[in-house]
């Protein structure tokens, strides 16, 4: 997306948030594309809504209707926006430790801050990326993270993996004896 178009889009989103939310409910809104943040994948545009760091548990309940409408209108006006993420604006907490809420067509999804999923960064070469992107194109997974989880699940299904796990546990027991 061109810089000028991105700036116009950012201004439109800022105006929409100011109109929709009470003063102080949202600290700022960031429009991110590939290269702005490591969590944004190629071709993806993400909206990050930063809320006060001391928002408490009630922010999502108090603003759910506003945020859901905001997400719906964004999807209509900007189909390239793949995700709307809501996080506390706390510079003292690393991104991957912040509780996050994602707003989609079906409502809210929570992540981080106690999620069972762990973010993992991997440096992949062209062949690995091609493999993940082929899984996405084929409809096996919706994004690269899902593609990796799908591939790992296939590995866990193999009988040799069960033997490997037994072997590793045996090694752990041996290490504990030293």
Foldseek 3Di string as FASTA:
>chain_A
DDPVVLVVVLVVLQVLCPVLDDPQQWPGKDWDAPPPDPVHDHLAIEIETEHAQPPPPCSCVVCQVSVQVSQVVCCVVPVRHPWYKYWYPDPVDDPQQTWIWIQDNVGIDIDHNDHPDHDDDDDDDPVLVVQQVVCCVVVVDVHSVRSVVVVVVVVCPDPVVVVVVVVVVVVVVVVVVD
